[in-house]
Amino acid sequence: MTSYEKINNLIDQVRAFFNLGKVIYTTPEYVKFHRELEQFVFENGLQDTKYWSTIVSNLLVRSNQYMVGKEADTILTALENLKQIVMEKTYSSKYQFDLMNPLILKVAQKKIFDGHYADAVESAFKEIESRVKRLAKVERPELASKVGVGLMTAAFAKDNPAIILGDGSDSDNDIQLGYMHLFAGGMSALRNPKAHANLDIDKESAMRMLIFASTLMFTLDKYEVEKADK
């Protein structure tokens, strides 16, 4: 279970307290929550944050105490703040989400947080495929029926491309051909990681693939800007 999943589980446990009636120190659900919460905080180095201090001051510490709704609400708010810290520590700084294209982040970021790495990659390349099809069929309507590698080789073909990258010079023709292979390669090798039995998708592998997907998506951003300026 990822850190993101663990803290969501803790949040769900607090919400469940509202349905238990009077929650005291020895309530089994509370004992479980208390144990898992402390383990989570120290695993992630969160004990020095102000939000942990807020949680501690609202936790049950004596057997004659019981939790009221206001305390549970305060703990929920603090846990949500801790979740944001965990996400920033675990993902934003380590994996540089800030380098990714916003359209890739929109379809893939939550899946990465939830530990669905292959799904995140698949969603990213499907988003690229959808955008290429939308752009290509404006110039060549017959491409609307193409998908995957066939779509990419036709859309970015050196001869009669639907999506022209550059001004048609010899050097730009080389770039055109290079991007055709990059887009087609992405569709062939990365679009559906689960289909490749020999491709082990872990967090690091997924992030590298998403950086590559973002490079392709930024290329489409540039194409649309330049086309609008012509």
C-alpha atoms as a PDB file:
ATOM      1  CA  MET A   1       0.000   0.000   0.000  1.00  0.00           C
ATOM      2  CA  THR A   2       1.403   3.423  -0.992  1.00  0.00           C
ATOM      3  CA  SER A   3       1.679   6.348   1.438  1.00  0.00           C
ATOM      4  CA  TYR A   4      -1.152   8.036  -0.433  1.00  0.00           C
ATOM      5  CA  GLU A   5      -3.370   4.969  -0.013  1.00  0.00           C
ATOM      6  CA  LYS A   6      -2.425   4.641   3.669  1.00  0.00           C
ATOM      7  CA  ILE A   7      -3.421   8.198   4.570  1.00  0.00           C
ATOM      8  CA  ASN A   8      -6.655   7.886   2.599  1.00  0.00           C
ATOM      9  CA  ASN A   9      -7.354   4.759   4.628  1.00  0.00           C
ATOM     10  CA  LEU A  10      -6.758   6.700   7.863  1.00  0.00           C
ATOM     11  CA  ILE A  11      -9.133   9.426   6.699  1.00  0.00           C
ATOM     12  CA  ASP A  12     -11.792   6.817   5.944  1.00  0.00           C
ATOM     13  CA  GLN A  13     -11.332   5.342   9.423  1.00  0.00           C
ATOM     14  CA  VAL A  14     -11.974   8.718  11.075  1.00  0.00           C
ATOM     15  CA  ARG A  15     -15.074   9.247   8.958  1.00  0.00           C
ATOM     16  CA  ALA A  16     -16.315   5.835  10.058  1.00  0.00           C
ATOM     17  CA  PHE A  17     -16.184   7.020  13.698  1.00  0.00           C
ATOM     18  CA  PHE A  18     -19.272   9.139  13.031  1.00  0.00           C
ATOM     19  CA  ASN A  19     -21.279   5.938  12.536  1.00  0.00           C
ATOM     20  CA  LEU A  20     -19.994   4.225  15.661  1.00  0.00           C
ATOM     21  CA  GLY A  21     -21.681   6.453  18.201  1.00  0.00           C
ATOM     22  CA  LYS A  22     -19.514   6.935  21.294  1.00  0.00           C
ATOM     23  CA  VAL A  23     -15.870   6.210  20.452  1.00  0.00           C
ATOM     24  CA  ILE A  24     -13.650   5.657  23.482  1.00  0.00           C
ATOM     25  CA  TYR A  25      -9.989   4.782  23.957  1.00  0.00           C
ATOM     26  CA  THR A  26     -10.622   1.029  23.917  1.00  0.00           C
ATOM     27  CA  THR A  27     -12.971   0.943  20.917  1.00  0.00           C
ATOM     28  CA  PRO A  28     -11.321  -1.630  18.572  1.00  0.00           C
ATOM     29  CA  GLU A  29     -11.689   0.627  15.530  1.00  0.00           C
ATOM     30  CA  TYR A  30     -10.015   3.459  17.417  1.00  0.00           C
ATOM     31  CA  VAL A  31      -7.177   1.233  18.675  1.00  0.00           C
ATOM     32  CA  LYS A  32      -6.490   0.185  15.061  1.00  0.00           C
ATOM     33  CA  PHE A  33      -6.635   3.780  13.822  1.00  0.00           C
ATOM     34  CA  HIS A  34      -4.329   5.046  16.574  1.00  0.00           C
ATOM     35  CA  ARG A  35      -1.720   2.349  15.889  1.00  0.00           C
ATOM     36  CA  GLU A  36      -1.738   2.840  12.108  1.00  0.00           C
ATOM     37  CA  LEU A  37      -1.700   6.622  12.417  1.00  0.00           C
ATOM     38  CA  GLU A  38       1.389   6.699  14.628  1.00  0.00           C
ATOM     39  CA  GLN A  39       3.182   4.242  12.342  1.00  0.00           C
ATOM     40  CA  PHE A  40       2.320   6.341   9.289  1.00  0.00           C
ATOM     41  CA  VAL A  41       3.479   9.604  10.858  1.00  0.00           C
ATOM     42  CA  PHE A  42       6.872   8.276  11.894  1.00  0.00           C
ATOM     43  CA  GLU A  43       7.400   6.372   8.645  1.00  0.00           C
ATOM     44  CA  ASN A  44       6.975   9.625   6.721  1.00  0.00           C
ATOM     45  CA  GLY A  45       8.777  11.941   9.135  1.00  0.00           C
ATOM     46  CA  LEU A  46       5.668  14.008   9.853  1.00  0.00           C
ATOM     47  CA  GLN A  47       6.021  14.205  13.635  1.00  0.00           C
ATOM     48  CA  ASP A  48       7.467  17.735  13.547  1.00  0.00           C
ATOM     49  CA  THR A  49       4.656  19.283  11.513  1.00  0.00           C
ATOM     50  CA  LYS A  50       2.053  21.568  13.048  1.00  0.00           C
ATOM     51  CA  TYR A  51      -0.670  19.302  11.696  1.00  0.00           C
ATOM     52  CA  TRP A  52       0.577  16.344  13.719  1.00  0.00           C
ATOM     53  CA  SER A  53       0.544  18.558  16.819  1.00  0.00           C
ATOM     54  CA  THR A  54      -3.069  19.418  16.052  1.00  0.00           C
ATOM     55  CA  ILE A  55      -3.943  15.738  15.697  1.00  0.00           C
ATOM     56  CA  VAL A  56      -2.176  14.784  18.919  1.00  0.00           C
ATOM     57  CA  SER A  57      -4.102  17.397  20.897  1.00  0.00           C
ATOM     58  CA  ASN A  58      -7.387  15.891  19.661  1.00  0.00           C
ATOM     59  CA  LEU A  59      -6.553  12.193  20.053  1.00  0.00           C
ATOM     60  CA  LEU A  60      -7.957  10.168  22.924  1.00  0.00           C
ATOM     61  CA  VAL A  61      -5.280   9.615  25.563  1.00  0.00           C
ATOM     62  CA  ARG A  62      -7.221   8.401  28.597  1.00  0.00           C
ATOM     63  CA  SER A  63      -9.702   5.561  28.919  1.00  0.00           C
ATOM     64  CA  ASN A  64     -12.469   7.810  30.299  1.00  0.00           C
ATOM     65  CA  GLN A  65     -12.402  10.111  27.271  1.00  0.00           C
ATOM     66  CA  TYR A  66     -14.537   9.814  24.188  1.00  0.00           C
ATOM     67  CA  MET A  67     -14.336  11.472  20.803  1.00  0.00           C
ATOM     68  CA  VAL A  68     -16.831  14.161  19.806  1.00  0.00           C
ATOM     69  CA  GLY A  69     -17.614  15.315  16.287  1.00  0.00           C
ATOM     70  CA  LYS A  70     -15.614  18.519  16.537  1.00  0.00           C
ATOM     71  CA  GLU A  71     -12.468  16.592  17.432  1.00  0.00           C
ATOM     72  CA  ALA A  72     -12.959  14.157  14.575  1.00  0.00           C
ATOM     73  CA  ASP A  73     -13.463  17.064  12.151  1.00  0.00           C
ATOM     74  CA  THR A  74     -10.245  18.696  13.352  1.00  0.00           C
ATOM     75  CA  ILE A  75      -8.340  15.442  12.877  1.00  0.00           C
ATOM     76  CA  LEU A  76      -9.791  15.023   9.374  1.00  0.00           C
ATOM     77  CA  THR A  77      -8.666  18.512   8.365  1.00  0.00           C
ATOM     78  CA  ALA A  78      -5.174  17.918   9.738  1.00  0.00           C
ATOM     79  CA  LEU A  79      -4.936  14.550   7.959  1.00  0.00           C
ATOM     80  CA  GLU A  80      -5.879  16.178   4.659  1.00  0.00           C
ATOM     81  CA  ASN A  81      -3.041  18.667   5.188  1.00  0.00           C
ATOM     82  CA  LEU A  82      -0.646  15.842   6.005  1.00  0.00           C
ATOM     83  CA  LYS A  83      -1.742  14.087   2.815  1.00  0.00           C
ATOM     84  CA  GLN A  84      -0.729  17.115   0.789  1.00  0.00           C
ATOM     85  CA  ILE A  85       2.680  17.156   2.471  1.00  0.00           C
ATOM     86  CA  VAL A  86       3.144  13.447   1.767  1.00  0.00           C
ATOM     87  CA  MET A  87       2.246  13.894  -1.903  1.00  0.00           C
ATOM     88  CA  GLU A  88       4.664  16.791  -2.278  1.00  0.00           C
ATOM     89  CA  LYS A  89       7.479  14.957  -0.487  1.00  0.00           C
ATOM     90  CA  THR A  90       6.965  11.632  -2.189  1.00  0.00           C
ATOM     91  CA  TYR A  91       6.118  12.710  -5.710  1.00  0.00           C
ATOM     92  CA  SER A  92       6.530  16.370  -6.599  1.00  0.00           C
ATOM     93  CA  SER A  93      10.116  16.777  -5.461  1.00  0.00           C
ATOM     94  CA  LYS A  94      11.310  13.264  -6.259  1.00  0.00           C
ATOM     95  CA  TYR A  95       9.646  12.719  -9.609  1.00  0.00           C
ATOM     96  CA  GLN A  96       9.403  16.239 -10.942  1.00  0.00           C
ATOM     97  CA  PHE A  97       5.750  16.432 -11.869  1.00  0.00           C
ATOM     98  CA  ASP A  98       6.433  20.077 -12.664  1.00  0.00           C
ATOM     99  CA  LEU A  99       8.264  18.920 -15.815  1.00  0.00           C
ATOM    100  CA  MET A 100       5.165  17.209 -17.172  1.00  0.00           C
ATOM    101  CA  ASN A 101       2.641  18.555 -19.609  1.00  0.00           C
ATOM    102  CA  PRO A 102      -0.616  19.655 -17.913  1.00  0.00           C
ATOM    103  CA  LEU A 103      -2.699  17.401 -20.162  1.00  0.00           C
ATOM    104  CA  ILE A 104      -0.604  14.397 -19.133  1.00  0.00           C
ATOM    105  CA  LEU A 105      -0.896  15.337 -15.466  1.00  0.00           C
ATOM    106  CA  LYS A 106      -4.659  15.642 -15.782  1.00  0.00           C
ATOM    107  CA  VAL A 107      -5.130  12.028 -16.881  1.00  0.00           C
ATOM    108  CA  ALA A 108      -2.205  10.337 -15.117  1.00  0.00           C
ATOM    109  CA  GLN A 109      -1.289  12.064 -11.843  1.00  0.00           C
ATOM    110  CA  LYS A 110      -4.028  10.653  -9.623  1.00  0.00           C
ATOM    111  CA  LYS A 111      -3.417   7.158 -10.984  1.00  0.00           C
ATOM    112  CA  ILE A 112       0.254   7.480 -10.038  1.00  0.00           C
ATOM    113  CA  PHE A 113      -0.748   8.615  -6.536  1.00  0.00           C
ATOM    114  CA  ASP A 114      -3.077   5.605  -6.267  1.00  0.00           C
ATOM    115  CA  GLY A 115      -0.351   3.201  -7.391  1.00  0.00           C
ATOM    116  CA  HIS A 116      -1.940   2.379 -10.760  1.00  0.00           C
ATOM    117  CA  TYR A 117       1.240   2.885 -12.761  1.00  0.00           C
ATOM    118  CA  ALA A 118       0.417   0.975 -15.954  1.00  0.00           C
ATOM    119  CA  ASP A 119      -3.013   2.633 -16.117  1.00  0.00           C
ATOM    120  CA  ALA A 120      -1.377   6.053 -15.780  1.00  0.00           C
ATOM    121  CA  VAL A 121       0.918   5.383 -18.735  1.00  0.00           C
ATOM    122  CA  GLU A 122      -1.901   3.957 -20.845  1.00  0.00           C
ATOM    123  CA  SER A 123      -4.094   6.991 -20.123  1.00  0.00           C
ATOM    124  CA  ALA A 124      -1.282   9.359 -21.103  1.00  0.00           C
ATOM    125  CA  PHE A 125      -0.685   7.770 -24.490  1.00  0.00           C
ATOM    126  CA  LYS A 126      -4.398   7.465 -25.188  1.00  0.00           C
ATOM    127  CA  GLU A 127      -4.639  11.210 -24.560  1.00  0.00           C
ATOM    128  CA  ILE A 128      -1.835  11.782 -27.076  1.00  0.00           C
ATOM    129  CA  GLU A 129      -3.550   9.509 -29.596  1.00  0.00           C
ATOM    130  CA  SER A 130      -6.835  11.379 -29.172  1.00  0.00           C
ATOM    131  CA  ARG A 131      -5.181  14.762 -29.639  1.00  0.00           C
ATOM    132  CA  VAL A 132      -3.190  13.694 -32.708  1.00  0.00           C
ATOM    133  CA  LYS A 133      -6.370  12.327 -34.295  1.00  0.00           C
ATOM    134  CA  ARG A 134      -8.233  15.560 -33.586  1.00  0.00           C
ATOM    135  CA  LEU A 135      -5.464  17.680 -35.122  1.00  0.00           C
ATOM    136  CA  ALA A 136      -4.764  15.384 -38.067  1.00  0.00           C
ATOM    137  CA  LYS A 137      -8.326  14.975 -39.300  1.00  0.00           C
ATOM    138  CA  VAL A 138      -8.614  18.748 -39.756  1.00  0.00           C
ATOM    139  CA  GLU A 139      -6.126  18.491 -42.639  1.00  0.00           C
ATOM    140  CA  ARG A 140      -6.877  14.922 -43.679  1.00  0.00           C
ATOM    141  CA  PRO A 141     -10.369  13.750 -42.659  1.00  0.00           C
ATOM    142  CA  GLU A 142      -9.652  10.171 -43.725  1.00  0.00           C
ATOM    143  CA  LEU A 143      -7.287   9.815 -40.750  1.00  0.00           C
ATOM    144  CA  ALA A 144     -10.261   9.880 -38.374  1.00  0.00           C
ATOM    145  CA  SER A 145     -10.514   6.092 -38.686  1.00  0.00           C
ATOM    146  CA  LYS A 146      -6.848   5.404 -37.927  1.00  0.00           C
ATOM    147  CA  VAL A 147      -5.416   4.547 -34.515  1.00  0.00           C
ATOM    148  CA  GLY A 148      -2.090   3.764 -32.895  1.00  0.00           C
ATOM    149  CA  VAL A 149       1.016   3.364 -35.042  1.00  0.00           C
ATOM    150  CA  GLY A 150      -0.949   3.742 -38.286  1.00  0.00           C
ATOM    151  CA  LEU A 151      -2.305   7.090 -37.152  1.00  0.00           C
ATOM    152  CA  MET A 152       1.122   8.381 -36.141  1.00  0.00           C
ATOM    153  CA  THR A 153       2.933   7.308 -39.313  1.00  0.00           C
ATOM    154  CA  ALA A 154       0.245   8.937 -41.446  1.00  0.00           C
ATOM    155  CA  ALA A 155      -0.156  12.096 -39.373  1.00  0.00           C
ATOM    156  CA  PHE A 156       3.596  12.820 -39.202  1.00  0.00           C
ATOM    157  CA  ALA A 157       4.650  11.255 -42.535  1.00  0.00           C
ATOM    158  CA  LYS A 158       7.547  12.920 -44.323  1.00  0.00           C
ATOM    159  CA  ASP A 159       5.426  13.082 -47.464  1.00  0.00           C
ATOM    160  CA  ASN A 160       1.981  14.695 -47.223  1.00  0.00           C
ATOM    161  CA  PRO A 161       1.849  14.939 -43.398  1.00  0.00           C
ATOM    162  CA  ALA A 162      -1.309  16.095 -41.671  1.00  0.00           C
ATOM    163  CA  ILE A 163       0.724  17.642 -38.851  1.00  0.00           C
ATOM    164  CA  ILE A 164       3.703  19.582 -40.192  1.00  0.00           C
ATOM    165  CA  LEU A 165       6.486  20.284 -37.714  1.00  0.00           C
ATOM    166  CA  GLY A 166       8.564  23.171 -39.037  1.00  0.00           C
ATOM    167  CA  ASP A 167       8.612  25.016 -42.347  1.00  0.00           C
ATOM    168  CA  GLY A 168       9.407  22.195 -44.739  1.00  0.00           C
ATOM    169  CA  SER A 169      13.179  22.761 -45.010  1.00  0.00           C
ATOM    170  CA  ASP A 170      15.553  19.789 -45.313  1.00  0.00           C
ATOM    171  CA  SER A 171      16.486  19.990 -41.639  1.00  0.00           C
ATOM    172  CA  ASP A 172      12.829  20.218 -40.654  1.00  0.00           C
ATOM    173  CA  ASN A 173      12.070  17.206 -42.832  1.00  0.00           C
ATOM    174  CA  ASP A 174      14.544  15.242 -40.739  1.00  0.00           C
ATOM    175  CA  ILE A 175      12.807  16.499 -37.607  1.00  0.00           C
ATOM    176  CA  GLN A 176       9.438  15.534 -39.104  1.00  0.00           C
ATOM    177  CA  LEU A 177      10.647  11.997 -39.735  1.00  0.00           C
ATOM    178  CA  GLY A 178      12.215  11.777 -36.292  1.00  0.00           C
ATOM    179  CA  TYR A 179       9.018  12.769 -34.524  1.00  0.00           C
ATOM    180  CA  MET A 180       7.022  10.356 -36.663  1.00  0.00           C
ATOM    181  CA  HIS A 181       9.178   7.550 -35.269  1.00  0.00           C
ATOM    182  CA  LEU A 182       8.919   8.924 -31.712  1.00  0.00           C
ATOM    183  CA  PHE A 183       5.125   9.140 -31.798  1.00  0.00           C
ATOM    184  CA  ALA A 184       4.775   5.773 -33.524  1.00  0.00           C
ATOM    185  CA  GLY A 185       7.257   4.177 -31.114  1.00  0.00           C
ATOM    186  CA  GLY A 186       5.312   5.492 -28.155  1.00  0.00           C
ATOM    187  CA  MET A 187       2.132   3.918 -29.483  1.00  0.00           C
ATOM    188  CA  SER A 188       3.862   0.623 -30.264  1.00  0.00           C
ATOM    189  CA  ALA A 189       5.993   0.170 -27.154  1.00  0.00           C
ATOM    190  CA  LEU A 190       4.370   2.188 -24.380  1.00  0.00           C
ATOM    191  CA  ARG A 191       0.683   2.817 -25.064  1.00  0.00           C
ATOM    192  CA  ASN A 192      -0.457  -0.374 -23.348  1.00  0.00           C
ATOM    193  CA  PRO A 193       2.197  -1.517 -20.834  1.00  0.00           C
ATOM    194  CA  LYS A 194      -0.051  -4.280 -19.491  1.00  0.00           C
ATOM    195  CA  ALA A 195       0.021  -5.975 -22.887  1.00  0.00           C
ATOM    196  CA  HIS A 196       3.777  -6.562 -22.668  1.00  0.00           C
ATOM    197  CA  ALA A 197       4.467  -9.491 -20.385  1.00  0.00           C
ATOM    198  CA  ASN A 198       8.161  -8.635 -20.202  1.00  0.00           C
ATOM    199  CA  LEU A 199       7.592  -4.999 -19.203  1.00  0.00           C
ATOM    200  CA  ASP A 200       7.660  -4.519 -15.446  1.00  0.00           C
ATOM    201  CA  ILE A 201       5.835  -1.300 -14.614  1.00  0.00           C
ATOM    202  CA  ASP A 202       6.942   0.158 -11.304  1.00  0.00           C
ATOM    203  CA  LYS A 203       6.729   3.744 -10.144  1.00  0.00           C
ATOM    204  CA  GLU A 204      10.065   4.834 -11.620  1.00  0.00           C
ATOM    205  CA  SER A 205       9.376   3.194 -14.985  1.00  0.00           C
ATOM    206  CA  ALA A 206       5.971   4.845 -15.185  1.00  0.00           C
ATOM    207  CA  MET A 207       7.382   8.272 -14.412  1.00  0.00           C
ATOM    208  CA  ARG A 208      10.024   7.960 -17.138  1.00  0.00           C
ATOM    209  CA  MET A 209       7.326   7.004 -19.627  1.00  0.00           C
ATOM    210  CA  LEU A 210       5.177   9.945 -18.560  1.00  0.00           C
ATOM    211  CA  ILE A 211       8.104  12.325 -19.069  1.00  0.00           C
ATOM    212  CA  PHE A 212       8.438  10.936 -22.605  1.00  0.00           C
ATOM    213  CA  ALA A 213       4.680  11.303 -23.146  1.00  0.00           C
ATOM    214  CA  SER A 214       4.930  14.891 -21.950  1.00  0.00           C
ATOM    215  CA  THR A 215       7.688  15.597 -24.478  1.00  0.00           C
ATOM    216  CA  LEU A 216       5.364  14.446 -27.238  1.00  0.00           C
ATOM    217  CA  MET A 217       2.477  16.481 -25.839  1.00  0.00           C
ATOM    218  CA  PHE A 218       4.619  19.631 -25.613  1.00  0.00           C
ATOM    219  CA  THR A 219       5.482  19.111 -29.290  1.00  0.00           C
ATOM    220  CA  LEU A 220       1.766  19.212 -30.095  1.00  0.00           C
ATOM    221  CA  ASP A 221       1.400  22.357 -27.964  1.00  0.00           C
ATOM    222  CA  LYS A 222       4.115  24.041 -30.026  1.00  0.00           C
ATOM    223  CA  TYR A 223       2.504  22.901 -33.287  1.00  0.00           C
ATOM    224  CA  GLU A 224      -0.853  24.410 -32.342  1.00  0.00           C
ATOM    225  CA  VAL A 225       0.687  27.712 -31.264  1.00  0.00           C
ATOM    226  CA  GLU A 226       2.690  28.047 -34.462  1.00  0.00           C
ATOM    227  CA  LYS A 227      -0.297  27.059 -36.604  1.00  0.00           C
ATOM    228  CA  ALA A 228      -2.447  29.697 -34.912  1.00  0.00           C
ATOM    229  CA  ASP A 229       0.199  32.356 -35.603  1.00  0.00           C
ATOM    230  CA  LYS A 230       0.342  31.641 -39.334  1.00  0.00           C
END
